[in-house]
């Protein structure tokens, strides 16, 4: 076989539609100036990620088609779906309910009844709002609920102006540990099973960009599997590097990742890869939301999630 020398030309294709369209644009453009173009290889994919302003807004923006996919609390996504927003979950990460009440360590408070006579900060417009009555039950009238802006909620608790605060427990615990060591009373202890963060999109985008969405969700899910397989420090450093514009603290971030680890698995998903969702978990969530009046009666788990756009082995194959 005769020896040959080939020139390698690198081109970048951009498309608002899909990675495939971007690659096609790059090849077609290169073909206009490069003769006898025979082989094209995709060496890198990029996506544009924008910070959101909360799960409720994220669900609305994705539902309106302004973004292809979102990362948010799947409880907020379910409530948006119940209001007619055409969104569906394609990957569940925090599959065990993480919402609850943070109370000072050593307080001895373990139930909603223990909070009678106490000041509890919450945000009515946030996820916890519709479930306040269900959590506190008969004790609600005896609890002083402080409706504060989400931006000031933790400051209200840290300053001592509130005895407790309602939020996502594993996320907040490391943030307040230095100034006010705390522990959590989970909403799930009162039967309120609400899913945490995951990825979601619209039914239209699944039809239009299903393959690209499947690759993205599979990479993110695989990344979490990799992190919890003995690579937490590496994961923290990667987050710090790629989110350098945010005032992140590596120790707090590591504490959050470690605190969240048990919440990645519900009883129904304890033997399933991260990302895979369980019908029984969604059935519990639907029942809780129907009882709270945020969903109409009669919906089914299949109305809110699908596992068809997730390949748990995809990232592992890329890393071989």
Foldseek 3Di string as FASTA:
>chain_A
DDDDDDDDDDFWFDDPFFPVVRQVVRVVVVPVPDPPDDDDDDDDDDDDDDDDDAQLVQLVCQLVVVDFKDKWFLLSNVLVVQVPRQKAFQFAQLLFAQKFKKAFPPPPDAALQSQFQFEEEEACPHPCNLCPCLRNPPRPVRHHYHHDDPVCQVVCCLVVVGRMYIDRFLLCQLVCCVRTHIHTHTSVVSLQTGTGIGMMHGPVSCVRHVQRLLLVRLQVLLVLVVCVVPNVLVVLVVCCVVPVVDPDDSVSSSSSSVSSVVSRDDPVCPPPRHTDHDQVSLVSNVVNCCVSVSHPPDDGSVSHYDNPSYDNCNVVVVVD
